[in-house]
């Protein structure tokens, strides 16, 4: 189940506002009253010192507060004696490594001391030798006492992990910031500057593999929203997620390789130009022959994209420590085992099962 999540402010607007029609009876406690009281207490701190500090840190006077919410992980009831009971099984103790695509910057302020020892709570994963990585051994936790905070930008890989054996909850106040600096987009169809403005300009014009991957994620999400009938107001240049993932993966980004590996594993064929580019990336990967497609020839215009997912996923999973790539690779191996079992020798069957 999701972590306990309580929105206070969304898209710059409080969840509830006093319109003069609310019950002013102090003896009656309502949910809207609680939210408005919390916002009233937080407002001078959020829009005063915190906002000014983040503007200074990011060196942008156009940064504004977008969302404010409270999030809780771990054990909600500190008197619980067994985290393995039916109630404990429904609790969430972590958040997988990710990028905050919708926020230019994020502030995490702890509301308890669960992370004070520097072994729980918020962590970041730095690049290794200049390359993106998702290896759990590289996680860096922050020793935070109650009231301490951390600010990071959208391109910092981070997550949350709370040790279930602590029998404690971890609660934080999260603040998302956006930067309304307009993006200088080239108009190719006569659209006005106002029409070309985007609500996430910090994602445009990526300068490295990480920026390309994050922009690809955002565009893929926008495409999915539009397919579901949700009209996106985000206009993008270089809007193809596939092109962005290929460019990012060619620079060694393991997250982009994972996305491409999953796309290759789907039944829908990829365009020929994409297969050619993916073949070139696969050629340059250091993977065992078991996972490398035989006879890679990027000049062959009739290559099947089904030849390449395991090479991409092996590199991303083993060299990049990306758990999603590891799981996807295992699934592909099991598909191979089930579909080719009648033609495999006993040793080959064992090898595939062990690898999976």
Protein backbone atom coordinates (compact mmCIF):
# COMPACT_ATOMS: atom_id res chain seq x y z
CA UNK A 1 0.00 0.00 0.00
CA UNK A 2 1.11 3.63 -0.41
CA UNK A 3 2.72 5.48 2.44
CA UNK A 4 0.51 7.74 4.55
CA UNK A 5 0.25 10.86 2.40
CA UNK A 6 -1.48 14.08 3.41
CA UNK A 7 -1.65 16.96 0.94
CA UNK A 8 -1.64 20.49 2.34
CA UNK A 9 -0.91 22.57 -0.77
CA UNK A 10 -1.22 21.43 -4.40
CA UNK A 11 -0.15 23.47 -7.44
CA UNK A 12 0.35 26.45 -5.17
CA UNK A 13 -3.17 26.33 -3.71
CA UNK A 14 -4.14 25.15 -0.22
CA UNK A 15 -6.23 22.00 -0.08
CA UNK A 16 -8.88 23.98 1.83
CA UNK A 17 -9.38 27.73 2.11
CA UNK A 18 -11.54 29.73 4.47
CA UNK A 19 -14.34 31.09 2.28
CA UNK A 20 -16.27 32.47 5.23
CA UNK A 21 -18.79 29.64 5.20
CA UNK A 22 -16.80 27.24 7.35
CA UNK A 23 -18.05 26.29 10.78
CA UNK A 24 -16.32 28.64 13.25
CA UNK A 25 -17.32 26.62 16.28
CA UNK A 26 -13.98 25.93 17.99
CA UNK A 27 -15.49 22.96 19.79
CA UNK A 28 -16.00 21.13 16.49
CA UNK A 29 -12.93 19.57 14.88
CA UNK A 30 -13.15 18.93 11.16
CA UNK A 31 -10.64 17.74 8.58
CA UNK A 32 -10.66 21.02 6.63
CA UNK A 33 -10.08 22.94 9.87
CA UNK A 34 -7.06 20.79 10.71
CA UNK A 35 -5.56 21.33 7.25
CA UNK A 36 -6.11 25.10 7.35
CA UNK A 37 -4.61 25.35 10.84
CA UNK A 38 -1.50 23.43 9.77
CA UNK A 39 -1.08 25.65 6.72
CA UNK A 40 -1.48 28.75 8.88
CA UNK A 41 1.27 27.57 11.19
CA UNK A 42 3.59 26.63 8.33
CA UNK A 43 2.93 29.57 5.99
CA UNK A 44 5.40 32.12 7.44
CA UNK A 45 8.16 29.51 7.52
CA UNK A 46 7.46 28.14 4.05
CA UNK A 47 7.07 31.43 2.22
CA UNK A 48 9.64 33.27 4.30
CA UNK A 49 12.96 31.74 5.20
CA UNK A 50 12.60 28.41 3.34
CA UNK A 51 11.57 29.88 -0.02
CA UNK A 52 14.30 32.51 0.17
CA UNK A 53 16.89 29.87 1.06
CA UNK A 54 15.93 27.62 -1.86
CA UNK A 55 16.04 30.59 -4.25
CA UNK A 56 19.56 31.30 -3.06
CA UNK A 57 20.63 27.67 -3.28
CA UNK A 58 19.31 27.28 -6.81
CA UNK A 59 20.37 30.79 -7.81
CA UNK A 60 16.95 31.45 -9.28
CA UNK A 61 14.62 34.24 -8.11
CA UNK A 62 11.75 32.61 -10.04
CA UNK A 63 11.44 29.54 -7.82
CA UNK A 64 8.03 29.16 -6.19
CA UNK A 65 6.38 26.63 -3.89
CA UNK A 66 4.19 24.16 -5.75
CA UNK A 67 3.21 21.32 -3.42
CA UNK A 68 3.44 20.74 0.33
CA UNK A 69 2.54 17.42 1.91
CA UNK A 70 3.25 15.16 4.86
CA UNK A 71 4.41 11.60 4.26
CA UNK A 72 4.86 8.77 6.72
CA UNK A 73 6.65 5.44 6.33
CA UNK A 74 7.18 2.50 8.63
CA UNK A 75 5.18 1.64 11.72
CA UNK A 76 2.32 4.07 12.31
CA UNK A 77 1.62 2.75 15.81
CA UNK A 78 4.79 2.79 17.89
CA UNK A 79 3.18 0.39 20.36
CA UNK A 80 3.00 -2.35 17.73
CA UNK A 81 5.03 -5.31 18.91
CA UNK A 82 5.19 -7.33 15.72
CA UNK A 83 5.75 -5.86 12.27
CA UNK A 84 4.96 -9.21 10.70
CA UNK A 85 1.32 -9.34 11.74
CA UNK A 86 -1.51 -8.70 9.31
CA UNK A 87 -1.42 -4.95 10.01
CA UNK A 88 2.35 -4.73 9.60
CA UNK A 89 2.26 -6.41 6.22
CA UNK A 90 0.27 -3.49 4.84
CA UNK A 91 2.76 -0.86 5.88
CA UNK A 92 5.30 0.66 3.55
CA UNK A 93 8.90 0.93 4.65
CA UNK A 94 10.52 2.56 1.68
CA UNK A 95 10.37 4.34 -1.64
CA UNK A 96 12.40 3.04 -4.58
CA UNK A 97 15.15 5.25 -6.05
CA UNK A 98 13.64 7.84 -8.37
CA UNK A 99 13.84 11.37 -9.76
CA UNK A 100 11.30 14.06 -8.82
CA UNK A 101 10.35 14.84 -12.41
CA UNK A 102 7.50 17.20 -11.52
CA UNK A 103 9.55 19.38 -9.14
CA UNK A 104 12.54 21.54 -9.92
CA UNK A 105 13.73 21.21 -6.33
CA UNK A 106 12.56 19.28 -3.27
CA UNK A 107 12.95 19.99 0.42
CA UNK A 108 12.60 17.12 2.91
CA UNK A 109 12.19 18.17 6.56
CA UNK A 110 12.09 15.48 9.23
CA UNK A 111 9.36 15.57 11.85
CA UNK A 112 10.97 12.90 14.08
CA UNK A 113 14.42 11.53 14.92
CA UNK A 114 14.16 8.17 13.15
CA UNK A 115 16.93 9.18 10.72
CA UNK A 116 19.24 10.65 13.36
CA UNK A 117 21.73 7.76 13.17
CA UNK A 118 22.20 8.22 9.43
CA UNK A 119 21.03 4.68 8.57
CA UNK A 120 17.37 5.30 7.77
CA UNK A 121 15.14 7.70 5.91
CA UNK A 122 16.21 9.74 2.91
CA UNK A 123 19.15 8.56 0.84
CA UNK A 124 20.80 9.59 -2.41
CA UNK A 125 22.78 7.49 -4.89
CA UNK A 126 25.69 9.30 -6.55
CA UNK A 127 27.09 8.47 -9.96
CA UNK A 128 30.02 6.06 -10.06
CA UNK A 129 32.94 7.03 -12.28
CA UNK A 130 30.74 9.60 -13.93
CA UNK A 131 28.07 7.06 -14.85
CA UNK A 132 24.55 6.69 -13.50
CA UNK A 133 24.18 3.86 -11.02
CA UNK A 134 21.49 2.31 -8.86
CA UNK A 135 23.61 0.04 -6.68
CA UNK A 136 22.21 -0.19 -3.15
CA UNK A 137 25.76 -0.26 -1.75
CA UNK A 138 26.21 3.36 -2.89
CA UNK A 139 23.26 4.73 -0.90
CA UNK A 140 24.13 7.73 1.25
CA UNK A 141 21.81 8.40 4.18
CA UNK A 142 21.51 11.72 5.96
CA UNK A 143 21.73 11.88 9.78
CA UNK A 144 18.77 14.18 10.45
CA UNK A 145 17.32 15.23 13.77
CA UNK A 146 13.77 16.48 14.06
CA UNK A 147 13.49 19.81 12.26
CA UNK A 148 16.51 19.24 10.00
CA UNK A 149 16.04 19.45 6.26
CA UNK A 150 17.67 18.53 2.96
CA UNK A 151 17.20 20.32 -0.38
CA UNK A 152 17.97 18.61 -3.67
CA UNK A 153 17.23 19.31 -7.32
CA UNK A 154 15.20 17.15 -9.70
CA UNK A 155 18.28 15.40 -11.15
CA UNK A 156 19.38 13.79 -7.86
CA UNK A 157 18.55 10.09 -7.62
CA UNK A 158 17.03 9.45 -4.20
CA UNK A 159 14.72 7.21 -2.22
CA UNK A 160 13.56 6.29 1.28
CA UNK A 161 14.33 3.25 3.39
CA UNK A 162 13.16 2.58 6.95
CA UNK A 163 14.34 -0.51 8.81
CA UNK A 164 11.21 -2.49 9.86
CA UNK A 165 13.07 -3.79 12.92
CA UNK A 166 13.23 -0.28 14.36
CA UNK A 167 9.49 -0.46 15.02
CA UNK A 168 9.30 3.27 14.35
CA UNK A 169 7.61 5.57 11.88
CA UNK A 170 9.45 8.09 9.76
CA UNK A 171 7.45 11.25 9.07
CA UNK A 172 8.54 14.19 6.94
CA UNK A 173 7.22 17.43 5.56
CA UNK A 174 7.90 17.53 1.83
CA UNK A 175 7.97 20.75 -0.21
CA UNK A 176 8.15 20.74 -3.99
CA UNK A 177 9.40 23.84 -5.80
CA UNK A 178 8.96 24.84 -9.43
CA UNK A 179 10.97 27.33 -11.48
CA UNK A 180 8.82 29.48 -13.73
CA UNK A 181 11.74 30.75 -15.76
CA UNK A 182 10.41 30.66 -19.32
CA UNK A 183 12.22 28.42 -21.75
CA UNK A 184 13.57 29.79 -25.04
CA UNK A 185 11.85 27.46 -27.49
CA UNK A 186 12.17 27.78 -31.24
CA UNK A 187 8.80 28.08 -32.94
CA UNK A 188 8.55 26.03 -36.12
CA UNK A 189 4.83 26.49 -36.71
CA UNK A 190 4.23 30.12 -35.87
CA UNK A 191 3.12 29.61 -32.29
CA UNK A 192 3.48 32.59 -30.01
CA UNK A 193 5.93 32.69 -27.10
CA UNK A 194 3.00 32.36 -24.70
CA UNK A 195 1.86 29.17 -26.43
CA UNK A 196 5.36 27.74 -26.30
CA UNK A 197 5.85 28.23 -22.56
CA UNK A 198 6.07 25.03 -20.59
CA UNK A 199 5.30 24.33 -16.95
CA UNK A 200 8.49 22.32 -16.43
CA UNK A 201 11.09 24.36 -18.32
CA UNK A 202 13.95 22.95 -16.24
CA UNK A 203 13.56 19.64 -18.09
CA UNK A 204 14.10 21.10 -21.56
CA UNK A 205 17.45 21.33 -23.34
CA UNK A 206 19.13 18.47 -21.38
CA UNK A 207 22.91 18.70 -21.29
CA UNK A 208 23.78 15.11 -20.35
CA UNK A 209 22.52 11.53 -20.31
CA UNK A 210 20.71 12.03 -17.01
CA UNK A 211 18.80 15.04 -18.29
CA UNK A 212 17.83 13.18 -21.45
CA UNK A 213 16.51 10.22 -19.47
CA UNK A 214 14.48 12.41 -17.10
CA UNK A 215 12.99 14.36 -20.01
CA UNK A 216 12.14 11.05 -21.65
CA UNK A 217 10.34 9.95 -18.48
CA UNK A 218 8.34 13.17 -18.37
CA UNK A 219 7.35 12.94 -22.01
CA UNK A 220 6.40 9.27 -21.72
CA UNK A 221 4.19 10.15 -18.76
CA UNK A 222 2.58 13.02 -20.69
CA UNK A 223 1.92 10.72 -23.66
CA UNK A 224 0.23 8.20 -21.37
CA UNK A 225 -1.92 10.94 -19.84
CA UNK A 226 -3.07 12.09 -23.26
CA UNK A 227 -3.92 8.51 -24.27
CA UNK A 228 -6.09 8.30 -21.15
CA UNK A 229 -7.92 11.46 -22.14
CA UNK A 230 -5.98 13.86 -19.90
CA UNK A 231 -4.87 16.78 -22.05
CA UNK A 232 -1.34 17.88 -21.18
CA UNK A 233 -0.41 21.55 -21.31
CA UNK A 234 3.26 20.70 -21.70
CA UNK A 235 4.77 21.46 -25.08
CA UNK A 236 8.13 19.89 -25.76
CA UNK A 237 10.84 20.07 -28.30
CA UNK A 238 12.58 16.71 -28.99
CA UNK A 239 9.52 15.07 -27.50
CA UNK A 240 10.12 11.44 -28.50
CA UNK A 241 10.90 9.36 -25.36
CA UNK A 242 12.43 6.65 -27.58
CA UNK A 243 14.90 9.11 -29.14
CA UNK A 244 15.79 10.52 -25.74
CA UNK A 245 16.33 7.06 -24.22
CA UNK A 246 18.54 6.01 -27.13
CA UNK A 247 20.66 9.15 -26.85
CA UNK A 248 20.93 8.72 -23.08
CA UNK A 249 21.76 5.00 -23.29
CA UNK A 250 24.46 5.68 -25.90
CA UNK A 251 26.19 7.76 -23.22
CA UNK A 252 26.05 4.88 -20.73
CA UNK A 253 22.88 5.68 -18.75
CA UNK A 254 21.69 2.42 -17.18
CA UNK A 255 18.16 3.70 -16.54
CA UNK A 256 17.73 4.52 -20.23
CA UNK A 257 19.15 1.08 -21.10
CA UNK A 258 16.54 -0.48 -18.81
CA UNK A 259 13.73 1.42 -20.53
CA UNK A 260 15.02 0.38 -23.95
CA UNK A 261 15.43 -3.22 -22.79
CA UNK A 262 11.82 -3.29 -21.67
CA UNK A 263 10.67 -1.69 -24.93
CA UNK A 264 12.61 -4.35 -26.85
CA UNK A 265 10.95 -7.07 -24.78
CA UNK A 266 7.46 -5.88 -25.73
CA UNK A 267 5.67 -7.51 -28.62
CA UNK A 268 5.31 -4.24 -30.52
CA UNK A 269 8.18 -3.86 -33.03
CA UNK A 270 10.35 -0.77 -32.83
CA UNK A 271 11.10 1.42 -35.86
CA UNK A 272 14.06 0.31 -37.97
CA UNK A 273 16.05 3.45 -37.14
CA UNK A 274 15.63 2.71 -33.44
CA UNK A 275 16.72 -0.92 -33.81
CA UNK A 276 19.84 0.20 -35.67
CA UNK A 277 20.77 2.60 -32.89
CA UNK A 278 20.07 0.03 -30.17
CA UNK A 279 22.23 -2.50 -32.04
CA UNK A 280 25.13 -0.05 -32.01
CA UNK A 281 24.72 0.46 -28.25
CA UNK A 282 24.62 -3.33 -27.68
CA UNK A 283 27.81 -3.76 -29.69
CA UNK A 284 29.71 -1.59 -27.25
CA UNK A 285 28.49 -3.29 -24.06
CA UNK A 286 30.75 -5.61 -22.08
CA UNK A 287 28.38 -8.54 -21.52
CA UNK A 288 28.94 -12.32 -21.46
CA UNK A 289 28.26 -14.15 -24.69
CA UNK A 290 25.22 -15.76 -23.04
CA UNK A 291 23.47 -12.40 -23.01
CA UNK A 292 24.92 -10.86 -26.13
CA UNK A 293 22.89 -11.28 -29.34
CA UNK A 294 24.79 -13.41 -31.81
CA UNK A 295 26.29 -11.72 -34.80
CA UNK A 296 25.25 -8.16 -34.04
CA UNK A 297 25.35 -6.19 -37.24
CA UNK A 298 23.96 -2.70 -36.91
CA UNK A 299 24.00 -2.32 -40.70
CA UNK A 300 21.34 -5.04 -41.09
CA UNK A 301 18.08 -3.16 -41.65
CA UNK A 302 15.98 -6.24 -40.87
CA UNK A 303 17.16 -6.86 -37.33
CA UNK A 304 14.51 -7.80 -34.79
CA UNK A 305 14.41 -5.71 -31.62
CA UNK A 306 13.88 -8.99 -29.70
CA UNK A 307 17.60 -9.70 -30.11
CA UNK A 308 18.79 -6.97 -27.76
CA UNK A 309 16.86 -6.70 -24.47
CA UNK A 310 19.01 -9.17 -22.52
CA UNK A 311 22.26 -7.42 -23.43
CA UNK A 312 20.89 -4.04 -22.32
CA UNK A 313 19.25 -5.43 -19.17
CA UNK A 314 22.36 -7.42 -18.15
CA UNK A 315 24.56 -4.33 -18.36
CA UNK A 316 22.05 -2.14 -16.51
CA UNK A 317 21.34 -4.78 -13.87
CA UNK A 318 24.85 -6.06 -13.17
CA UNK A 319 27.08 -3.07 -13.93
CA UNK A 320 24.48 -0.46 -12.99
CA UNK A 321 22.85 -2.25 -10.05
CA UNK A 322 19.39 -1.39 -11.38
CA UNK A 323 16.90 -3.72 -9.69
CA UNK A 324 14.22 -3.20 -12.34
CA UNK A 325 16.68 -4.34 -15.01
CA UNK A 326 17.55 -7.41 -12.93
CA UNK A 327 13.90 -8.38 -12.57
CA UNK A 328 13.17 -7.77 -16.27
CA UNK A 329 16.17 -9.89 -17.26
CA UNK A 330 15.02 -12.73 -15.01
CA UNK A 331 11.54 -12.57 -16.58
CA UNK A 332 13.02 -12.72 -20.09
CA UNK A 333 15.10 -15.74 -19.14
CA UNK A 334 12.06 -17.51 -17.75
CA UNK A 335 10.14 -16.78 -20.96
CA UNK A 336 13.04 -18.27 -22.90
CA UNK A 337 13.01 -21.31 -20.62
CA UNK A 338 9.28 -21.92 -21.04
CA UNK A 339 9.16 -21.34 -24.82
CA UNK A 340 12.33 -23.29 -25.70
CA UNK A 341 12.22 -25.98 -23.05
CA UNK A 342 11.57 -28.79 -25.51
CA UNK A 343 14.76 -27.97 -27.45
CA UNK A 344 17.04 -27.36 -24.47
CA UNK A 345 19.38 -29.90 -22.96
CA UNK A 346 19.23 -30.63 -19.27
CA UNK A 347 22.36 -28.53 -18.65
CA UNK A 348 20.96 -25.63 -20.66
CA UNK A 349 17.74 -25.76 -18.66
CA UNK A 350 19.70 -25.63 -15.40
CA UNK A 351 21.85 -22.75 -16.66
CA UNK A 352 18.85 -20.61 -17.57
CA UNK A 353 17.11 -21.27 -14.26
CA UNK A 354 20.26 -20.44 -12.29
CA UNK A 355 20.80 -17.23 -14.26
CA UNK A 356 17.19 -16.17 -13.71
